Protein backbone atom coordinates (compact mmCIF):
# COMPACT_ATOMS: atom_id res chain seq x y z
CA PRO A 1 -0.23 -0.37 0.10
CA PRO A 2 0.79 3.39 0.01
CA PRO A 3 2.43 5.67 2.22
CA MET A 4 0.18 7.59 4.56
CA VAL A 5 2.63 10.00 4.38
CA GLN A 6 4.97 10.63 1.56
CA LYS A 7 9.12 12.33 1.98
CA THR A 8 9.09 15.57 -0.38
CA ASP A 9 12.94 17.25 -0.47
CA GLU A 10 11.70 20.84 0.92
CA PRO A 11 13.06 22.01 3.52
CA PRO A 12 11.44 23.16 6.53
CA ALA A 13 10.20 27.09 5.95
CA PRO A 14 12.74 28.85 8.32
CA GLN A 15 10.85 29.69 12.22
CA GLN A 16 10.07 33.03 12.27
CA ILE A 17 10.05 35.24 15.64
CA ALA A 18 7.82 38.38 15.33
CA LEU A 19 8.13 40.80 18.65
CA GLY A 20 5.37 43.19 19.23
CA ILE A 21 6.35 46.76 21.54
CA ASP A 22 3.54 48.91 22.36
CA LEU A 23 5.61 51.42 23.50
CA GLY A 24 3.62 53.83 26.13
CA SER A 25 5.44 57.22 27.75
CA ASP A 26 4.62 54.98 31.34
CA ARG A 27 5.11 51.66 30.75
CA SER A 28 5.47 49.11 27.93
CA VAL A 29 4.47 45.81 27.31
CA SER A 30 6.23 42.94 24.80
CA SER A 31 4.61 39.85 23.29
CA LEU A 32 6.40 37.37 21.04
CA LEU A 33 4.29 35.48 18.17
CA VAL A 34 6.44 32.65 16.61
CA GLY A 35 5.78 30.42 13.58
CA PRO A 36 4.85 28.36 11.84
CA PRO A 37 2.68 27.55 13.23
CA PHE A 38 1.52 30.40 14.68
CA GLY A 39 -0.20 29.98 17.39
CA GLN A 40 -1.47 32.52 20.28
CA PRO A 41 1.06 35.57 21.66
CA THR A 42 2.61 35.10 24.59
CA LEU A 43 3.69 38.66 26.54
CA VAL A 44 7.77 38.47 27.42
CA ARG A 45 8.47 39.40 30.94
CA ASN A 46 11.21 41.09 31.53
CA ASN A 47 14.30 40.47 34.71
CA LEU A 48 11.93 40.77 37.67
CA SER A 49 9.68 38.47 35.13
CA ASN A 50 7.11 42.07 34.83
CA ASP A 51 4.93 41.66 32.09
CA SER A 52 5.01 45.43 31.26
CA THR A 53 8.37 47.74 31.75
CA PRO A 54 8.89 51.39 32.75
CA THR A 55 9.70 53.68 30.56
CA ALA A 56 12.32 54.28 31.73
CA VAL A 57 16.44 54.91 31.58
CA ALA A 58 19.09 56.17 34.12
CA PHE A 59 22.43 57.07 34.62
CA GLY A 60 24.63 57.35 37.17
CA SER A 61 28.21 58.09 37.42
CA ASN A 62 30.90 55.94 36.66
CA PHE A 63 29.40 55.13 33.80
CA LYS A 64 26.66 53.52 35.68
CA ARG A 65 23.40 52.99 33.76
CA CYS A 66 20.02 51.47 34.57
CA VAL A 67 16.37 50.22 32.56
CA GLY A 68 13.47 49.82 33.32
CA ASP A 69 12.22 49.25 36.62
CA GLU A 70 15.77 49.43 38.34
CA ALA A 71 15.51 53.82 36.26
CA LEU A 72 12.89 53.89 38.41
CA GLU A 73 14.38 53.37 41.75
CA GLN A 74 17.20 55.40 42.17
CA PRO A 75 17.05 57.73 44.72
CA ALA A 76 15.72 61.17 44.43
CA SER A 77 19.28 61.98 44.70
CA ASN A 78 19.38 60.91 41.04
CA ALA A 79 16.48 62.42 40.09
CA ALA A 80 18.49 64.74 37.12
CA ASN A 81 19.72 61.58 35.25
CA ILE A 82 16.44 59.61 35.19
CA ILE A 83 15.13 60.08 31.93
CA THR A 84 10.69 59.25 31.59
CA ASP A 85 7.80 60.03 29.21
CA LEU A 86 10.81 59.34 26.75
CA PRO A 87 7.54 58.81 24.39
CA LYS A 88 6.61 62.22 24.46
CA ARG A 89 9.70 63.85 24.42
CA LEU A 90 11.12 61.58 21.31
CA GLY A 91 10.79 64.46 17.67
CA ALA A 92 9.94 67.14 20.26
CA SER A 93 12.86 68.13 22.98
CA GLY A 94 16.99 67.87 22.14
CA PRO A 95 20.15 66.25 23.60
CA VAL A 96 19.59 65.27 27.46
CA SER A 97 22.77 66.16 29.82
CA VAL A 98 23.35 63.59 32.12
CA GLY A 99 26.70 62.59 35.49
CA TYR A 100 27.41 59.84 33.09
CA GLY A 101 30.96 60.37 32.66
CA ALA A 102 34.03 59.88 35.63
CA ASP A 103 33.05 61.14 38.56
CA GLY A 104 30.37 62.09 37.38
CA ALA A 105 30.91 64.66 34.24
CA ALA A 106 28.18 65.34 32.31
CA GLU A 107 27.24 63.20 28.89
CA THR A 108 25.18 64.34 26.16
CA PHE A 109 23.11 61.87 24.86
CA SER A 110 20.18 62.19 22.65
CA LEU A 111 16.82 61.17 22.80
CA GLU A 112 17.10 58.33 19.99
CA HIS A 113 19.71 56.94 22.22
CA CYS A 114 18.48 56.86 25.13
CA LEU A 115 14.68 55.01 23.32
CA ALA A 116 17.62 52.87 21.51
CA MET A 117 19.30 51.01 24.73
CA TYR A 118 15.53 50.45 26.40
CA LEU A 119 14.41 49.10 22.92
CA SER A 120 17.10 46.76 23.61
CA GLU A 121 16.89 46.37 27.10
CA LEU A 122 13.18 45.06 25.33
CA THR A 123 14.50 42.92 22.90
CA ALA A 124 17.27 41.08 24.99
CA HIS A 125 14.23 40.15 27.43
CA ALA A 126 12.43 38.57 24.68
CA ALA A 127 15.29 36.35 23.58
CA ALA A 128 16.09 35.92 26.78
CA GLN A 129 11.95 33.92 26.71
CA ARG A 130 13.24 31.80 23.91
CA GLY A 131 16.64 30.50 24.67
CA GLY A 132 18.96 33.45 23.02
CA ALA A 133 16.42 33.46 19.54
CA ALA A 134 16.64 36.97 18.92
CA PRO A 135 13.25 38.56 17.12
CA THR A 136 13.56 37.87 13.25
CA HIS A 137 10.93 40.33 12.68
CA THR A 138 9.69 43.90 15.15
CA VAL A 139 6.99 45.90 15.20
CA ILE A 140 6.59 48.79 17.87
CA SER A 141 2.69 50.36 18.03
CA CYS A 142 3.30 54.52 18.01
CA PRO A 143 1.02 56.95 20.01
CA GLN A 144 -2.02 57.78 17.09
CA ALA A 145 -0.68 61.80 17.40
CA TYR A 146 3.02 60.72 16.16
CA THR A 147 4.62 63.76 14.08
CA ALA A 148 6.81 62.73 11.16
CA ALA A 149 9.39 63.59 12.95
CA GLN A 150 8.39 60.79 15.99
CA HIS A 151 8.02 58.23 13.93
CA ARG A 152 11.25 58.95 12.09
CA ALA A 153 12.98 59.20 15.46
CA VAL A 154 11.63 55.71 16.66
CA ALA A 155 12.69 53.85 13.79
CA ASP A 156 15.71 55.78 14.63
CA ALA A 157 16.27 54.74 18.04
CA ALA A 158 15.79 50.85 16.63
CA ARG A 159 18.31 51.75 14.28
CA ILE A 160 21.04 52.32 16.87
CA ALA A 161 19.57 49.60 18.88
CA GLY A 162 20.59 46.79 15.77
CA ILE A 163 16.69 45.54 15.50
CA PRO A 164 16.82 44.21 12.66
CA ASN A 165 13.82 44.60 10.22
CA VAL A 166 11.20 47.41 12.25
CA SER A 167 7.42 47.88 11.63
CA LEU A 168 5.43 50.90 12.65
CA ALA A 169 2.24 51.11 13.59
CA PRO A 170 -0.26 53.88 15.11
CA SER A 171 -1.96 52.19 18.52
CA CYS A 172 -5.19 52.24 16.91
CA SER A 173 -4.58 50.36 14.14
CA ALA A 174 -2.67 47.88 16.95
CA LEU A 175 -5.72 48.71 19.01
CA ALA A 176 -8.44 47.60 15.89
CA PHE A 177 -6.97 44.15 15.67
CA HIS A 178 -6.56 43.90 19.62
CA TYR A 179 -10.01 44.01 19.23
CA ALA A 180 -10.68 41.09 16.95
CA GLU A 181 -8.74 38.64 18.77
CA ARG A 182 -10.19 39.74 21.52
CA HIS A 183 -13.83 39.43 21.02
CA GLY A 184 -13.49 36.50 18.20
CA GLY A 185 -16.95 36.09 15.84
CA GLU A 186 -18.88 38.64 17.99
CA ALA A 187 -16.76 41.34 16.82
CA PHE A 188 -17.86 40.37 13.65
CA PRO A 189 -21.10 40.54 11.26
CA PRO A 190 -22.72 37.43 10.06
CA PRO A 191 -22.15 36.13 6.94
CA PRO A 192 -24.06 36.98 4.33
CA GLY A 193 -27.17 34.86 4.41
CA GLU A 194 -27.14 33.87 8.06
CA GLY A 195 -28.31 37.74 9.55
CA GLU A 196 -32.02 38.94 9.95
CA GLY A 197 -32.21 42.08 7.57
CA ALA A 198 -31.28 43.80 4.71
CA ASP A 199 -28.26 45.12 6.94
CA ALA A 200 -27.45 41.81 8.53
CA SER A 201 -23.95 41.66 6.58
CA ALA A 202 -22.74 45.09 6.45
CA PRO A 203 -19.21 46.02 8.59
CA ARG A 204 -20.10 46.91 12.31
CA LEU A 205 -18.45 49.74 13.47
CA VAL A 206 -17.04 50.00 16.73
CA LEU A 207 -16.04 53.46 18.23
CA LEU A 208 -12.47 52.62 20.30
CA VAL A 209 -10.69 54.45 22.36
CA ASP A 210 -7.68 54.69 24.08
CA VAL A 211 -6.25 56.79 26.83
CA GLY A 212 -2.95 56.39 28.11
CA CYS A 213 0.04 58.10 30.03
CA SER A 214 0.64 60.87 27.77
CA TYR A 215 -1.74 60.57 24.38
CA GLY A 216 -5.49 60.13 24.13
CA ALA A 217 -6.76 58.86 20.73
CA ALA A 218 -10.54 57.53 19.25
CA ALA A 219 -11.22 55.64 16.16
CA VAL A 220 -14.25 53.91 14.32
CA ALA A 221 -13.15 50.66 12.69
CA ALA A 222 -15.32 48.41 10.39
CA TYR A 223 -15.08 44.89 11.47
CA HIS A 224 -16.38 42.77 8.02
CA ALA A 225 -18.11 39.69 7.61
CA ASP A 226 -15.04 38.81 6.18
CA ARG A 227 -12.90 39.15 9.11
CA SER A 228 -11.05 41.65 7.09
CA VAL A 229 -10.76 44.52 9.87
CA ARG A 230 -10.27 48.23 8.74
CA VAL A 231 -9.82 51.54 10.13
CA LEU A 232 -11.99 54.22 9.07
CA SER A 233 -10.57 57.20 10.81
CA SER A 234 -9.08 57.59 13.91
CA ALA A 235 -7.95 60.55 15.52
CA GLY A 236 -5.35 62.14 18.59
CA THR A 237 -3.85 64.69 20.80
CA ASP A 238 -1.20 64.79 23.17
CA GLU A 239 -3.63 67.19 25.57
CA VAL A 240 -5.10 63.62 27.42
CA GLY A 241 -3.80 60.96 29.46
CA GLY A 242 -2.78 60.05 32.82
CA GLY A 243 0.52 61.64 33.16
CA VAL A 244 -1.01 64.31 31.71
CA ALA A 245 -3.70 65.06 34.69
CA ASP A 246 -0.24 64.38 37.41
CA GLU A 247 1.38 67.71 35.28
CA VAL A 248 -1.95 69.08 36.32
CA LEU A 249 -2.19 68.01 39.83
CA MET A 250 1.19 69.19 40.62
CA ALA A 251 1.07 72.61 38.59
CA HIS A 252 -1.72 72.94 41.45
CA PHE A 253 0.40 72.46 44.40
CA ARG A 254 3.14 73.43 43.13
CA GLU A 255 1.60 77.08 43.36
CA GLN A 256 0.04 76.14 47.18
CA LEU A 257 3.86 74.96 48.19
CA SER A 258 5.64 77.61 46.72
CA ALA A 259 3.42 80.14 47.84
CA LYS A 260 4.25 78.81 51.85
CA HIS A 261 7.64 77.36 51.55
CA GLY A 262 9.28 79.21 48.69
CA ALA A 263 12.55 78.72 46.58
CA GLY A 264 12.25 75.36 49.19
CA ALA A 265 9.53 73.95 46.62
CA SER A 266 11.54 74.13 43.48
CA GLY A 267 14.46 71.28 42.24
CA PRO A 268 14.72 68.12 40.95
CA LYS A 269 14.36 66.64 44.31
CA PHE A 270 11.49 68.61 45.00
CA GLU A 271 9.75 67.98 41.51
CA HIS A 272 9.98 64.26 42.11
CA ARG A 273 8.52 63.71 45.49
CA LEU A 274 6.16 66.44 44.09
CA ARG A 275 4.93 63.55 40.86
CA ARG A 276 5.03 60.72 42.97
CA ALA A 277 3.09 62.07 45.46
CA CYS A 278 0.38 63.53 43.05
CA GLU A 279 0.83 59.96 41.10
CA LYS A 280 -0.83 58.16 44.78
CA LEU A 281 -3.50 61.13 45.16
CA LYS A 282 -5.11 60.43 41.16
CA LYS A 283 -4.71 56.91 42.85
CA LEU A 284 -6.65 57.42 45.84
CA LEU A 285 -9.58 59.44 43.78
CA SER A 286 -9.95 56.88 41.84
CA THR A 287 -11.76 55.25 44.38
CA VAL A 288 -12.51 57.63 47.21
CA GLU A 289 -14.12 61.23 47.26
CA GLN A 290 -11.92 62.94 48.80
CA ALA A 291 -7.76 61.29 49.37
CA ARG A 292 -5.76 63.13 51.75
CA VAL A 293 -1.27 62.08 50.94
CA ASP A 294 1.40 62.72 53.22
CA ALA A 295 4.39 63.91 51.22
CA ASP A 296 7.46 63.83 53.73
CA SER A 297 10.70 65.48 53.21
CA LEU A 298 8.36 67.66 49.88
CA VAL A 299 10.50 70.37 51.39
CA PRO A 300 13.14 71.66 53.59
CA ASP A 301 12.35 70.94 57.50
CA ALA A 302 9.11 69.90 56.78
CA ASP A 303 6.16 67.10 56.03
CA VAL A 304 3.52 68.47 53.58
CA ALA A 305 -0.17 67.10 53.36
CA LEU A 306 -1.93 67.24 49.44
CA SER A 307 -5.18 66.95 49.70
CA LEU A 308 -8.18 66.83 47.15
CA SER A 309 -11.58 65.99 46.44
CA ARG A 310 -12.26 63.99 43.53
CA LYS A 311 -15.11 67.41 42.33
CA GLU A 312 -12.09 69.27 42.60
CA LEU A 313 -10.03 66.96 40.96
CA GLU A 314 -12.37 66.87 38.17
CA GLY A 315 -12.71 71.26 37.98
CA LEU A 316 -8.24 71.09 37.16
CA LEU A 317 -8.69 68.41 33.97
CA ARG A 318 -12.01 70.09 32.64
CA PRO A 319 -9.83 71.06 30.07
CA GLN A 320 -8.32 67.29 29.79
CA LEU A 321 -12.25 66.24 29.64
CA GLU A 322 -13.25 68.83 26.70
CA ALA A 323 -10.03 67.66 24.44
CA LEU A 324 -10.91 64.04 24.82
CA GLY A 325 -14.69 65.31 23.58
CA ARG A 326 -13.74 66.55 20.24
CA VAL A 327 -10.80 63.78 19.71
CA ILE A 328 -13.73 61.47 19.86
CA ALA A 329 -16.19 63.53 17.98
CA GLY A 330 -13.11 64.06 15.43
CA ALA A 331 -12.88 59.68 14.94
CA LEU A 332 -17.29 60.39 14.38
CA GLU A 333 -17.06 62.63 12.23
CA GLY A 334 -13.48 61.20 9.89
CA ALA A 335 -15.53 57.88 9.39
CA GLY A 336 -19.29 59.83 7.43
CA PRO A 337 -22.58 60.62 7.66
CA GLY A 338 -24.35 58.51 9.92
CA ALA A 339 -21.37 56.55 11.95
CA ALA A 340 -22.16 57.84 14.86
CA GLU A 341 -25.89 56.25 14.33
CA SER A 342 -24.39 53.45 12.79
CA LEU A 343 -22.41 52.04 15.99
């Protein structure tokens, strides 16, 4: 009888390791997709076994450098040498000067080089998870509101880091495909002939809203019966985000503390500690109506308590909420007549 499996001289397809990086201003998340055959993506865990890594790089004297969680764990005394919020500053700010050389001598780095250091760390985590096998392809999701200069800066950072075969994807496109992956068949209309009514097979429209640390975005995506996905319109802004809310709170309390404590309410250490206190206060106000945070050593020779109500927070953030409303309205308008009614 003929053999059940016929031999072939064709070599097996080479394994591909695709790394996806969701580049965030506060933290970034990576995942791996390996094939063929391709299964489900798996999250990449960093050297501390966390599935997200702070988007930060820190420098120290005598050529010390650290990335991610270790960078944020630097003491307040080294606050001036901690580079955070890289994606938002990229392409919009000049180089940074940090104490990195012998005995803390100043060294200058471009933000592209700082991001390259960070991307190198993420790819090293991915390779470690695959037993040392480096990714063959990398896709980096960038904020929807990115300018052409910022896109070029990310591509330059990847090149400096020596990462091959890099593609950049708008965040709303990545979100639209993730929605389809997460919701499966529920995201799509039924095939022709299986639905009820004349419009049963019309694309299903979904409004997607994404608010991160430094950016807000909205998109209208169409999900078709043939399982294809198309982003009809999108809009983004850098006026909205959790980090933007922190800046608003910092400005509010900085004014109060400056009036009371004068020059003591300034400097890198003060800003570092004030940010941490405002971040904590914001999180508390997401669950309670009134919150208070004790900020030890915020100003010289005094411990300070920051207090705020949720109603006061909403008042401070009203301009940001209005900006998010404009982004959503822009996405709906860009999707065409009748899009809002079809959601």
